[in-house]
Full PDB file with SEQRES, HELIX, SHEET, SSBOND, CRYST1, ORIGX, SCALE, CONECT and MASTER records, all heavy atoms in Angstrom:
SEQRES   1 A   41  THR ILE LEU TYR ALA ALA MET SER VAL SER LEU TRP LEU          
SEQRES   2 A   41  ALA ILE ARG LYS ASP ALA PRO SER ARG ALA THR ILE VAL          
SEQRES   3 A   41  LEU TYR ALA VAL GLN LEU ILE VAL ASN LEU ALA TRP PRO          
SEQRES   4 A   41  PHE ILE                                                      
HELIX    1 AA1 ILE A    2  ILE A   15  1                                  14    
HELIX    2 AA2 ARG A   22  ALA A   37  1                                  16    
CRYST1    1.000    1.000    1.000  90.00  90.00  90.00 P 1           1          
ORIGX1      1.000000  0.000000  0.000000        0.00000                         
ORIGX2      0.000000  1.000000  0.000000        0.00000                         
ORIGX3      0.000000  0.000000  1.000000        0.00000                         
SCALE1      1.000000  0.000000  0.000000        0.00000                         
SCALE2      0.000000  1.000000  0.000000        0.00000                         
SCALE3      0.000000  0.000000  1.000000        0.00000                         
ATOM      1  N   THR A   1       0.838  -1.200   0.000  1.00  0.00           N  
ATOM      2  CA  THR A   1       0.000   0.000   0.000  1.00  0.00           C  
ATOM      3  C   THR A   1       0.877   1.254   0.000  1.00  0.00           C  
ATOM      4  O   THR A   1       0.640   2.196  -0.773  1.00  0.00           O  
ATOM      5  CB  THR A   1      -0.953  -0.003   1.210  1.00  0.00           C  
ATOM      6  OG1 THR A   1      -1.784  -1.173   1.132  1.00  0.00           O  
ATOM      7  CG2 THR A   1      -1.818   1.244   1.236  1.00  0.00           C  
ATOM      8  N   ILE A   2       1.888   1.252   0.839  1.00  0.00           N  
ATOM      9  CA  ILE A   2       2.814   2.395   0.902  1.00  0.00           C  
ATOM     10  C   ILE A   2       3.578   2.538  -0.413  1.00  0.00           C  
ATOM     11  O   ILE A   2       3.710   3.642  -0.962  1.00  0.00           O  
ATOM     12  CB  ILE A   2       3.777   2.244   2.091  1.00  0.00           C  
ATOM     13  CG1 ILE A   2       2.996   2.328   3.404  1.00  0.00           C  
ATOM     14  CG2 ILE A   2       4.896   3.288   2.027  1.00  0.00           C  
ATOM     15  CD1 ILE A   2       3.772   1.866   4.623  1.00  0.00           C  
ATOM     16  N   LEU A   3       4.051   1.420  -0.944  1.00  0.00           N  
ATOM     17  CA  LEU A   3       4.823   1.468  -2.192  1.00  0.00           C  
ATOM     18  C   LEU A   3       3.959   1.915  -3.366  1.00  0.00           C  
ATOM     19  O   LEU A   3       4.408   2.708  -4.210  1.00  0.00           O  
ATOM     20  CB  LEU A   3       5.453   0.106  -2.473  1.00  0.00           C  
ATOM     21  CG  LEU A   3       6.555  -0.302  -1.500  1.00  0.00           C  
ATOM     22  CD1 LEU A   3       6.953  -1.752  -1.726  1.00  0.00           C  
ATOM     23  CD2 LEU A   3       7.754   0.628  -1.601  1.00  0.00           C  
ATOM     24  N   TYR A   4       2.720   1.419  -3.453  1.00  0.00           N  
ATOM     25  CA  TYR A   4       1.835   1.837  -4.548  1.00  0.00           C  
ATOM     26  C   TYR A   4       1.544   3.336  -4.468  1.00  0.00           C  
ATOM     27  O   TYR A   4       1.480   4.016  -5.495  1.00  0.00           O  
ATOM     28  CB  TYR A   4       0.525   1.043  -4.524  1.00  0.00           C  
ATOM     29  CG  TYR A   4       0.643  -0.380  -5.021  1.00  0.00           C  
ATOM     30  CD1 TYR A   4      -0.189  -1.370  -4.519  1.00  0.00           C  
ATOM     31  CD2 TYR A   4       1.547  -0.747  -6.007  1.00  0.00           C  
ATOM     32  CE1 TYR A   4      -0.110  -2.677  -4.968  1.00  0.00           C  
ATOM     33  CE2 TYR A   4       1.643  -2.040  -6.462  1.00  0.00           C  
ATOM     34  CZ  TYR A   4       0.810  -3.005  -5.942  1.00  0.00           C  
ATOM     35  OH  TYR A   4       0.898  -4.295  -6.395  1.00  0.00           O  
ATOM     36  N   ALA A   5       1.373   3.863  -3.261  1.00  0.00           N  
ATOM     37  CA  ALA A   5       1.147   5.303  -3.119  1.00  0.00           C  
ATOM     38  C   ALA A   5       2.386   6.082  -3.570  1.00  0.00           C  
ATOM     39  O   ALA A   5       2.268   7.077  -4.306  1.00  0.00           O  
ATOM     40  CB  ALA A   5       0.784   5.638  -1.672  1.00  0.00           C  
ATOM     41  N   ALA A   6       3.566   5.634  -3.157  1.00  0.00           N  
ATOM     42  CA  ALA A   6       4.808   6.311  -3.560  1.00  0.00           C  
ATOM     43  C   ALA A   6       5.019   6.230  -5.066  1.00  0.00           C  
ATOM     44  O   ALA A   6       5.430   7.207  -5.701  1.00  0.00           O  
ATOM     45  CB  ALA A   6       6.003   5.714  -2.818  1.00  0.00           C  
ATOM     46  N   MET A   7       4.720   5.072  -5.648  1.00  0.00           N  
ATOM     47  CA  MET A   7       4.844   4.918  -7.098  1.00  0.00           C  
ATOM     48  C   MET A   7       3.917   5.904  -7.818  1.00  0.00           C  
ATOM     49  O   MET A   7       4.308   6.526  -8.823  1.00  0.00           O  
ATOM     50  CB  MET A   7       4.441   3.492  -7.519  1.00  0.00           C  
ATOM     51  CG  MET A   7       5.383   2.408  -7.094  1.00  0.00           C  
ATOM     52  SD  MET A   7       4.623   0.758  -7.142  1.00  0.00           S  
ATOM     53  CE  MET A   7       3.923   0.658  -8.763  1.00  0.00           C  
ATOM     54  N   SER A   8       2.711   6.030  -7.311  1.00  0.00           N  
ATOM     55  CA  SER A   8       1.724   6.924  -7.929  1.00  0.00           C  
ATOM     56  C   SER A   8       2.193   8.373  -7.888  1.00  0.00           C  
ATOM     57  O   SER A   8       2.113   9.095  -8.893  1.00  0.00           O  
ATOM     58  CB  SER A   8       0.381   6.799  -7.207  1.00  0.00           C  
ATOM     59  OG  SER A   8      -0.137   5.497  -7.322  1.00  0.00           O  
ATOM     60  N   VAL A   9       2.681   8.799  -6.737  1.00  0.00           N  
ATOM     61  CA  VAL A   9       3.163  10.173  -6.608  1.00  0.00           C  
ATOM     62  C   VAL A   9       4.380  10.394  -7.514  1.00  0.00           C  
ATOM     63  O   VAL A   9       4.505  11.444  -8.147  1.00  0.00           O  
ATOM     64  CB  VAL A   9       3.483  10.512  -5.138  1.00  0.00           C  
ATOM     65  CG1 VAL A   9       4.145  11.875  -5.018  1.00  0.00           C  
ATOM     66  CG2 VAL A   9       2.209  10.454  -4.285  1.00  0.00           C  
ATOM     67  N   SER A  10       5.240   9.399  -7.608  1.00  0.00           N  
ATOM     68  CA  SER A  10       6.408   9.503  -8.486  1.00  0.00           C  
ATOM     69  C   SER A  10       5.974   9.733  -9.934  1.00  0.00           C  
ATOM     70  O   SER A  10       6.506  10.626 -10.610  1.00  0.00           O  
ATOM     71  CB  SER A  10       7.260   8.237  -8.386  1.00  0.00           C  
ATOM     72  OG  SER A  10       8.302   8.280  -9.333  1.00  0.00           O  
ATOM     73  N   LEU A  11       5.024   8.926 -10.408  1.00  0.00           N  
ATOM     74  CA  LEU A  11       4.559   9.114 -11.785  1.00  0.00           C  
ATOM     75  C   LEU A  11       3.918  10.479 -11.948  1.00  0.00           C  
ATOM     76  O   LEU A  11       4.163  11.177 -12.931  1.00  0.00           O  
ATOM     77  CB  LEU A  11       3.568   8.012 -12.179  1.00  0.00           C  
ATOM     78  CG  LEU A  11       2.982   8.163 -13.590  1.00  0.00           C  
ATOM     79  CD1 LEU A  11       4.073   8.035 -14.651  1.00  0.00           C  
ATOM     80  CD2 LEU A  11       1.876   7.157 -13.827  1.00  0.00           C  
ATOM     81  N   TRP A  12       3.121  10.870 -10.977  1.00  0.00           N  
ATOM     82  CA  TRP A  12       2.446  12.168 -11.041  1.00  0.00           C  
ATOM     83  C   TRP A  12       3.462  13.297 -11.140  1.00  0.00           C  
ATOM     84  O   TRP A  12       3.309  14.216 -11.954  1.00  0.00           O  
ATOM     85  CB  TRP A  12       1.542  12.331  -9.827  1.00  0.00           C  
ATOM     86  CG  TRP A  12       0.865  13.653  -9.740  1.00  0.00           C  
ATOM     87  CD1 TRP A  12      -0.124  14.131 -10.553  1.00  0.00           C  
ATOM     88  CD2 TRP A  12       1.129  14.675  -8.776  1.00  0.00           C  
ATOM     89  NE1 TRP A  12      -0.498  15.382 -10.142  1.00  0.00           N  
ATOM     90  CE2 TRP A  12       0.253  15.746  -9.052  1.00  0.00           C  
ATOM     91  CE3 TRP A  12       2.000  14.779  -7.698  1.00  0.00           C  
ATOM     92  CZ2 TRP A  12       0.231  16.902  -8.302  1.00  0.00           C  
ATOM     93  CZ3 TRP A  12       1.985  15.931  -6.937  1.00  0.00           C  
ATOM     94  CH2 TRP A  12       1.107  16.981  -7.238  1.00  0.00           C  
ATOM     95  N   LEU A  13       4.506  13.231 -10.330  1.00  0.00           N  
ATOM     96  CA  LEU A  13       5.551  14.254 -10.389  1.00  0.00           C  
ATOM     97  C   LEU A  13       6.250  14.256 -11.748  1.00  0.00           C  
ATOM     98  O   LEU A  13       6.616  15.307 -12.271  1.00  0.00           O  
ATOM     99  CB  LEU A  13       6.577  14.040  -9.278  1.00  0.00           C  
ATOM    100  CG  LEU A  13       6.108  14.331  -7.861  1.00  0.00           C  
ATOM    101  CD1 LEU A  13       7.154  13.858  -6.847  1.00  0.00           C  
ATOM    102  CD2 LEU A  13       5.778  15.800  -7.672  1.00  0.00           C  
ATOM    103  N   ALA A  14       6.419  13.069 -12.306  1.00  0.00           N  
ATOM    104  CA  ALA A  14       7.128  12.949 -13.590  1.00  0.00           C  
ATOM    105  C   ALA A  14       6.309  13.467 -14.763  1.00  0.00           C  
ATOM    106  O   ALA A  14       6.870  13.936 -15.746  1.00  0.00           O  
ATOM    107  CB  ALA A  14       7.534  11.500 -13.830  1.00  0.00           C  
ATOM    108  N   ILE A  15       4.983  13.398 -14.665  1.00  0.00           N  
ATOM    109  CA  ILE A  15       4.157  13.769 -15.826  1.00  0.00           C  
ATOM    110  C   ILE A  15       3.403  15.082 -15.659  1.00  0.00           C  
ATOM    111  O   ILE A  15       2.638  15.451 -16.533  1.00  0.00           O  
ATOM    112  CB  ILE A  15       3.151  12.653 -16.186  1.00  0.00           C  
ATOM    113  CG1 ILE A  15       2.105  12.482 -15.102  1.00  0.00           C  
ATOM    114  CG2 ILE A  15       3.868  11.368 -16.507  1.00  0.00           C  
ATOM    115  CD1 ILE A  15       0.957  11.569 -15.493  1.00  0.00           C  
ATOM    116  N   ARG A  16       3.629  15.798 -14.587  1.00  0.00           N  
ATOM    117  CA  ARG A  16       2.819  16.999 -14.373  1.00  0.00           C  
ATOM    118  C   ARG A  16       3.270  18.208 -15.172  1.00  0.00           C  
ATOM    119  O   ARG A  16       2.737  19.295 -14.997  1.00  0.00           O  
ATOM    120  CB  ARG A  16       2.714  17.314 -12.896  1.00  0.00           C  
ATOM    121  CG  ARG A  16       3.974  17.708 -12.256  1.00  0.00           C  
ATOM    122  CD  ARG A  16       3.789  17.887 -10.777  1.00  0.00           C  
ATOM    123  NE  ARG A  16       4.896  18.687 -10.324  1.00  0.00           N  
ATOM    124  CZ  ARG A  16       4.933  19.317  -9.200  1.00  0.00           C  
ATOM    125  NH1 ARG A  16       3.928  19.250  -8.380  1.00  0.00           N  
ATOM    126  NH2 ARG A  16       5.975  20.019  -8.871  1.00  0.00           N  
ATOM    127  N   LYS A  17       4.198  18.035 -16.043  1.00  0.00           N  
ATOM    128  CA  LYS A  17       4.617  19.113 -16.944  1.00  0.00           C  
ATOM    129  C   LYS A  17       3.665  19.155 -18.142  1.00  0.00           C  
ATOM    130  O   LYS A  17       2.891  18.246 -18.379  1.00  0.00           O  
ATOM    131  CB  LYS A  17       6.051  18.887 -17.426  1.00  0.00           C  
ATOM    132  CG  LYS A  17       7.061  18.695 -16.315  1.00  0.00           C  
ATOM    133  CD  LYS A  17       7.295  19.972 -15.578  1.00  0.00           C  
ATOM    134  CE  LYS A  17       8.360  19.756 -14.509  1.00  0.00           C  
ATOM    135  NZ  LYS A  17       8.520  20.881 -13.651  1.00  0.00           N  
ATOM    136  N   ASP A  18       3.775  20.204 -18.938  1.00  0.00           N  
ATOM    137  CA  ASP A  18       2.901  20.346 -20.107  1.00  0.00           C  
ATOM    138  C   ASP A  18       3.055  19.198 -21.093  1.00  0.00           C  
ATOM    139  O   ASP A  18       2.100  18.778 -21.726  1.00  0.00           O  
ATOM    140  CB  ASP A  18       3.189  21.655 -20.837  1.00  0.00           C  
ATOM    141  CG  ASP A  18       2.556  22.852 -20.154  1.00  0.00           C  
ATOM    142  OD1 ASP A  18       1.602  22.665 -19.380  1.00  0.00           O  
ATOM    143  OD2 ASP A  18       3.027  23.964 -20.404  1.00  0.00           O  
ATOM    144  N   ALA A  19       4.263  18.701 -21.272  1.00  0.00           N  
ATOM    145  CA  ALA A  19       4.525  17.660 -22.271  1.00  0.00           C  
ATOM    146  C   ALA A  19       5.063  16.415 -21.570  1.00  0.00           C  
ATOM    147  O   ALA A  19       6.266  16.149 -21.614  1.00  0.00           O  
ATOM    148  CB  ALA A  19       5.509  18.158 -23.308  1.00  0.00           C  
ATOM    149  N   PRO A  20       4.191  15.657 -20.911  1.00  0.00           N  
ATOM    150  CA  PRO A  20       4.699  14.469 -20.227  1.00  0.00           C  
ATOM    151  C   PRO A  20       5.228  13.448 -21.231  1.00  0.00           C  
ATOM    152  O   PRO A  20       4.777  13.372 -22.367  1.00  0.00           O  
ATOM    153  CB  PRO A  20       3.469  13.934 -19.495  1.00  0.00           C  
ATOM    154  CG  PRO A  20       2.311  14.465 -20.259  1.00  0.00           C  
ATOM    155  CD  PRO A  20       2.752  15.787 -20.821  1.00  0.00           C  
ATOM    156  N   SER A  21       6.188  12.690 -20.782  1.00  0.00           N  
ATOM    157  CA  SER A  21       6.781  11.686 -21.642  1.00  0.00           C  
ATOM    158  C   SER A  21       5.868  10.479 -21.749  1.00  0.00           C  
ATOM    159  O   SER A  21       5.569   9.819 -20.757  1.00  0.00           O  
ATOM    160  CB  SER A  21       8.135  11.261 -21.072  1.00  0.00           C  
ATOM    161  OG  SER A  21       8.600  10.128 -21.751  1.00  0.00           O  
ATOM    162  N   ARG A  22       5.433  10.190 -22.959  1.00  0.00           N  
ATOM    163  CA  ARG A  22       4.579   9.024 -23.198  1.00  0.00           C  
ATOM    164  C   ARG A  22       5.327   7.747 -22.826  1.00  0.00           C  
ATOM    165  O   ARG A  22       4.749   6.810 -22.287  1.00  0.00           O  
ATOM    166  CB  ARG A  22       4.131   9.000 -24.652  1.00  0.00           C  
ATOM    167  CG  ARG A  22       3.236   7.828 -24.983  1.00  0.00           C  
ATOM    168  CD  ARG A  22       2.639   7.934 -26.384  1.00  0.00           C  
ATOM    169  NE  ARG A  22       1.276   8.402 -26.240  1.00  0.00           N  
ATOM    170  CZ  ARG A  22       0.791   9.514 -26.752  1.00  0.00           C  
ATOM    171  NH1 ARG A  22       1.556  10.304 -27.452  1.00  0.00           N  
ATOM    172  NH2 ARG A  22      -0.458   9.859 -26.588  1.00  0.00           N  
ATOM    173  N   ALA A  23       6.643   7.720 -23.058  1.00  0.00           N  
ATOM    174  CA  ALA A  23       7.442   6.539 -22.729  1.00  0.00           C  
ATOM    175  C   ALA A  23       7.429   6.270 -21.228  1.00  0.00           C  
ATOM    176  O   ALA A  23       7.379   5.113 -20.799  1.00  0.00           O  
ATOM    177  CB  ALA A  23       8.876   6.718 -23.226  1.00  0.00           C  
ATOM    178  N   THR A  24       7.461   7.314 -20.406  1.00  0.00           N  
ATOM    179  CA  THR A  24       7.413   7.131 -18.954  1.00  0.00           C  
ATOM    180  C   THR A  24       6.076   6.535 -18.539  1.00  0.00           C  
ATOM    181  O   THR A  24       6.028   5.630 -17.707  1.00  0.00           O  
ATOM    182  CB  THR A  24       7.654   8.474 -18.229  1.00  0.00           C  
ATOM    183  OG1 THR A  24       8.928   8.983 -18.628  1.00  0.00           O  
ATOM    184  CG2 THR A  24       7.608   8.305 -16.728  1.00  0.00           C  
ATOM    185  N   ILE A  25       5.014   7.030 -19.124  1.00  0.00           N  
ATOM    186  CA  ILE A  25       3.679   6.515 -18.793  1.00  0.00           C  
ATOM    187  C   ILE A  25       3.548   5.059 -19.218  1.00  0.00           C  
ATOM    188  O   ILE A  25       3.040   4.230 -18.459  1.00  0.00           O  
ATOM    189  CB  ILE A  25       2.590   7.395 -19.449  1.00  0.00           C  
ATOM    190  CG1 ILE A  25       2.647   8.808 -18.862  1.00  0.00           C  
ATOM    191  CG2 ILE A  25       1.213   6.775 -19.262  1.00  0.00           C  
ATOM    192  CD1 ILE A  25       1.833   9.833 -19.623  1.00  0.00           C  
ATOM    193  N   VAL A  26       4.028   4.729 -20.401  1.00  0.00           N  
ATOM    194  CA  VAL A  26       3.959   3.342 -20.882  1.00  0.00           C  
ATOM    195  C   VAL A  26       4.819   2.442 -20.001  1.00  0.00           C  
ATOM    196  O   VAL A  26       4.387   1.346 -19.615  1.00  0.00           O  
ATOM    197  CB  VAL A  26       4.387   3.253 -22.367  1.00  0.00           C  
ATOM    198  CG1 VAL A  26       4.582   1.813 -22.808  1.00  0.00           C  
ATOM    199  CG2 VAL A  26       3.348   3.950 -23.244  1.00  0.00           C  
ATOM    200  N   LEU A  27       6.016   2.884 -19.659  1.00  0.00           N  
ATOM    201  CA  LEU A  27       6.890   2.088 -18.800  1.00  0.00           C  
ATOM    202  C   LEU A  27       6.247   1.864 -17.436  1.00  0.00           C  
ATOM    203  O   LEU A  27       6.297   0.760 -16.888  1.00  0.00           O  
ATOM    204  CB  LEU A  27       8.251   2.774 -18.650  1.00  0.00           C  
ATOM    205  CG  LEU A  27       9.306   2.050 -17.823  1.00  0.00           C  
ATOM    206  CD1 LEU A  27       9.574   0.639 -18.352  1.00  0.00           C  
ATOM    207  CD2 LEU A  27      10.597   2.871 -17.795  1.00  0.00           C  
ATOM    208  N   TYR A  28       5.615   2.886 -16.889  1.00  0.00           N  
ATOM    209  CA  TYR A  28       4.913   2.749 -15.612  1.00  0.00           C  
ATOM    210  C   TYR A  28       3.806   1.701 -15.736  1.00  0.00           C  
ATOM    211  O   TYR A  28       3.671   0.827 -14.880  1.00  0.00           O  
ATOM    212  CB  TYR A  28       4.317   4.093 -15.182  1.00  0.00           C  
ATOM    213  CG  TYR A  28       3.638   4.036 -13.833  1.00  0.00           C  
ATOM    214  CD1 TYR A  28       4.363   4.241 -12.676  1.00  0.00           C  
ATOM    215  CD2 TYR A  28       2.275   3.769 -13.713  1.00  0.00           C  
ATOM    216  CE1 TYR A  28       3.762   4.188 -11.425  1.00  0.00           C  
ATOM    217  CE2 TYR A  28       1.662   3.709 -12.474  1.00  0.00           C  
ATOM    218  CZ  TYR A  28       2.409   3.924 -11.335  1.00  0.00           C  
ATOM    219  OH  TYR A  28       1.803   3.856 -10.105  1.00  0.00           O  
ATOM    220  N   ALA A  29       3.023   1.790 -16.798  1.00  0.00           N  
ATOM    221  CA  ALA A  29       1.924   0.839 -16.995  1.00  0.00           C  
ATOM    222  C   ALA A  29       2.441  -0.589 -17.151  1.00  0.00           C  
ATOM    223  O   ALA A  29       1.885  -1.522 -16.557  1.00  0.00           O  
ATOM    224  CB  ALA A  29       1.094   1.241 -18.219  1.00  0.00           C  
ATOM    225  N   VAL A  30       3.505  -0.768 -17.903  1.00  0.00           N  
ATOM    226  CA  VAL A  30       4.061  -2.105 -18.115  1.00  0.00           C  
ATOM    227  C   VAL A  30       4.588  -2.685 -16.804  1.00  0.00           C  
ATOM    228  O   VAL A  30       4.287  -3.826 -16.446  1.00  0.00           O  
ATOM    229  CB  VAL A  30       5.170  -2.088 -19.199  1.00  0.00           C  
ATOM    230  CG1 VAL A  30       5.929  -3.402 -19.239  1.00  0.00           C  
ATOM    231  CG2 VAL A  30       4.557  -1.778 -20.563  1.00  0.00           C  
ATOM    232  N   GLN A  31       5.344  -1.883 -16.051  1.00  0.00           N  
ATOM    233  CA  GLN A  31       5.876  -2.410 -14.789  1.00  0.00           C  
ATOM    234  C   GLN A  31       4.747  -2.697 -13.811  1.00  0.00           C  
ATOM    235  O   GLN A  31       4.807  -3.650 -13.048  1.00  0.00           O  
ATOM    236  CB  GLN A  31       6.939  -1.492 -14.181  1.00  0.00           C  
ATOM    237  CG  GLN A  31       6.469  -0.170 -13.632  1.00  0.00           C  
ATOM    238  CD  GLN A  31       5.805  -0.225 -12.276  1.00  0.00           C  
ATOM    239  OE1 GLN A  31       6.125  -1.066 -11.452  1.00  0.00           O  
ATOM    240  NE2 GLN A  31       4.879   0.670 -12.047  1.00  0.00           N  
ATOM    241  N   LEU A  32       3.683  -1.900 -13.844  1.00  0.00           N  
ATOM    242  CA  LEU A  32       2.550  -2.153 -12.950  1.00  0.00           C  
ATOM    243  C   LEU A  32       1.852  -3.456 -13.321  1.00  0.00           C  
ATOM    244  O   LEU A  32       1.493  -4.248 -12.438  1.00  0.00           O  
ATOM    245  CB  LEU A  32       1.562  -0.982 -12.977  1.00  0.00           C  
ATOM    246  CG  LEU A  32       0.389  -1.082 -12.009  1.00  0.00           C  
ATOM    247  CD1 LEU A  32       0.868  -1.159 -10.557  1.00  0.00           C  
ATOM    248  CD2 LEU A  32      -0.555   0.106 -12.204  1.00  0.00           C  
ATOM    249  N   ILE A  33       1.684  -3.719 -14.599  1.00  0.00           N  
ATOM    250  CA  ILE A  33       1.072  -4.975 -15.041  1.00  0.00           C  
ATOM    251  C   ILE A  33       1.943  -6.162 -14.629  1.00  0.00           C  
ATOM    252  O   ILE A  33       1.440  -7.170 -14.125  1.00  0.00           O  
ATOM    253  CB  ILE A  33       0.824  -4.953 -16.565  1.00  0.00           C  
ATOM    254  CG1 ILE A  33      -0.294  -3.953 -16.882  1.00  0.00           C  
ATOM    255  CG2 ILE A  33       0.485  -6.345 -17.097  1.00  0.00           C  
ATOM    256  CD1 ILE A  33      -0.403  -3.589 -18.356  1.00  0.00           C  
ATOM    257  N   VAL A  34       3.253  -6.046 -14.827  1.00  0.00           N  
ATOM    258  CA  VAL A  34       4.169  -7.114 -14.411  1.00  0.00           C  
ATOM    259  C   VAL A  34       4.080  -7.307 -12.900  1.00  0.00           C  
ATOM    260  O   VAL A  34       4.018  -8.435 -12.400  1.00  0.00           O  
ATOM    261  CB  VAL A  34       5.617  -6.803 -14.869  1.00  0.00           C  
ATOM    262  CG1 VAL A  34       6.630  -7.756 -14.235  1.00  0.00           C  
ATOM    263  CG2 VAL A  34       5.707  -6.863 -16.392  1.00  0.00           C  
ATOM    264  N   ASN A  35       4.035  -6.203 -12.169  1.00  0.00           N  
ATOM    265  CA  ASN A  35       3.908  -6.247 -10.714  1.00  0.00           C  
ATOM    266  C   ASN A  35       2.630  -6.977 -10.305  1.00  0.00           C  
ATOM    267  O   ASN A  35       2.650  -7.859  -9.446  1.00  0.00           O  
ATOM    268  CB  ASN A  35       3.909  -4.809 -10.174  1.00  0.00           C  
ATOM    269  CG  ASN A  35       3.698  -4.714  -8.688  1.00  0.00           C  
ATOM    270  OD1 ASN A  35       2.789  -5.297  -8.124  1.00  0.00           O  
ATOM    271  ND2 ASN A  35       4.527  -3.920  -8.038  1.00  0.00           N  
ATOM    272  N   LEU A  36       1.522  -6.598 -10.906  1.00  0.00           N  
ATOM    273  CA  LEU A  36       0.228  -7.166 -10.517  1.00  0.00           C  
ATOM    274  C   LEU A  36       0.058  -8.620 -10.954  1.00  0.00           C  
ATOM    275  O   LEU A  36      -0.771  -9.340 -10.384  1.00  0.00           O  
ATOM    276  CB  LEU A  36      -0.905  -6.296 -11.071  1.00  0.00           C  
ATOM    277  CG  LEU A  36      -0.969  -4.866 -10.524  1.00  0.00           C  
ATOM    278  CD1 LEU A  36      -2.040  -4.063 -11.247  1.00  0.00           C  
ATOM    279  CD2 LEU A  36      -1.189  -4.853  -9.022  1.00  0.00           C  
ATOM    280  N   ALA A  37       0.851  -9.065 -11.912  1.00  0.00           N  
ATOM    281  CA  ALA A  37       0.783 -10.465 -12.342  1.00  0.00           C  
ATOM    282  C   ALA A  37       1.532 -11.387 -11.391  1.00  0.00           C  
ATOM    283  O   ALA A  37       1.227 -12.577 -11.299  1.00  0.00           O  
ATOM    284  CB  ALA A  37       1.355 -10.610 -13.755  1.00  0.00           C  
ATOM    285  N   TRP A  38       2.512 -10.851 -10.674  1.00  0.00           N  
ATOM    286  CA  TRP A  38       3.355 -11.685  -9.821  1.00  0.00           C  
ATOM    287  C   TRP A  38       2.581 -12.511  -8.790  1.00  0.00           C  
ATOM    288  O   TRP A  38       2.875 -13.703  -8.641  1.00  0.00           O  
ATOM    289  CB  TRP A  38       4.441 -10.839  -9.144  1.00  0.00           C  
ATOM    290  CG  TRP A  38       5.344 -11.683  -8.318  1.00  0.00           C  
ATOM    291  CD1 TRP A  38       6.449 -12.360  -8.749  1.00  0.00           C  
ATOM    292  CD2 TRP A  38       5.200 -12.010  -6.939  1.00  0.00           C  
ATOM    293  NE1 TRP A  38       7.005 -13.067  -7.717  1.00  0.00           N  
ATOM    294  CE2 TRP A  38       6.242 -12.864  -6.588  1.00  0.00           C  
ATOM    295  CE3 TRP A  38       4.277 -11.657  -5.968  1.00  0.00           C  
ATOM    296  CZ2 TRP A  38       6.409 -13.377  -5.308  1.00  0.00           C  
ATOM    297  CZ3 TRP A  38       4.422 -12.157  -4.685  1.00  0.00           C  
ATOM    298  CH2 TRP A  38       5.489 -13.006  -4.363  1.00  0.00           C  
ATOM    299  N   PRO A  39       1.621 -11.972  -8.066  1.00  0.00           N  
ATOM    300  CA  PRO A  39       0.917 -12.804  -7.076  1.00  0.00           C  
ATOM    301  C   PRO A  39       0.243 -14.032  -7.677  1.00  0.00           C  
ATOM    302  O   PRO A  39       0.155 -15.078  -7.032  1.00  0.00           O  
ATOM    303  CB  PRO A  39      -0.116 -11.848  -6.459  1.00  0.00           C  
ATOM    304  CG  PRO A  39       0.445 -10.493  -6.681  1.00  0.00           C  
ATOM    305  CD  PRO A  39       1.181 -10.570  -7.986  1.00  0.00           C  
ATOM    306  N   PHE A  40      -0.222 -13.907  -8.910  1.00  0.00           N  
ATOM    307  CA  PHE A  40      -0.837 -15.066  -9.563  1.00  0.00           C  
ATOM    308  C   PHE A  40       0.209 -16.147  -9.827  1.00  0.00           C  
ATOM    309  O   PHE A  40      -0.052 -17.337  -9.653  1.00  0.00           O  
ATOM    310  CB  PHE A  40      -1.536 -14.653 -10.866  1.00  0.00           C  
ATOM    311  CG  PHE A  40      -2.701 -13.744 -10.647  1.00  0.00           C  
ATOM    312  CD1 PHE A  40      -2.595 -12.392 -10.898  1.00  0.00           C  
ATOM    313  CD2 PHE A  40      -3.900 -14.241 -10.162  1.00  0.00           C  
ATOM    314  CE1 PHE A  40      -3.671 -11.544 -10.683  1.00  0.00           C  
ATOM    315  CE2 PHE A  40      -4.980 -13.402  -9.942  1.00  0.00           C  
ATOM    316  CZ  PHE A  40      -4.864 -12.059 -10.201  1.00  0.00           C  
ATOM    317  N   ILE A  41       1.408 -15.720 -10.238  1.00  0.00           N  
ATOM    318  CA  ILE A  41       2.482 -16.673 -10.507  1.00  0.00           C  
ATOM    319  C   ILE A  41       2.924 -17.350  -9.211  1.00  0.00           C  
ATOM    320  O   ILE A  41       3.063 -18.572  -9.149  1.00  0.00           O  
ATOM    321  CB  ILE A  41       3.671 -15.968 -11.194  1.00  0.00           C  
ATOM    322  CG1 ILE A  41       3.246 -15.445 -12.561  1.00  0.00           C  
ATOM    323  CG2 ILE A  41       4.870 -16.904 -11.312  1.00  0.00           C  
ATOM    324  CD1 ILE A  41       4.239 -14.478 -13.192  1.00  0.00           C  
TER     325      ILE A  41                                                      
MASTER        0    0    0    2    0    0    0    6  324    1    0    4          
END                                                                             
């Protein structure tokens, strides 16, 4: 819970500029999907 909140704030800080990096958003989404798949494995 603490880590997910910190991850969220990190992404928010990274994309709050006028031109957020699409690559950062995609990388965040991919790592989150990999993260969320782990408990099933």
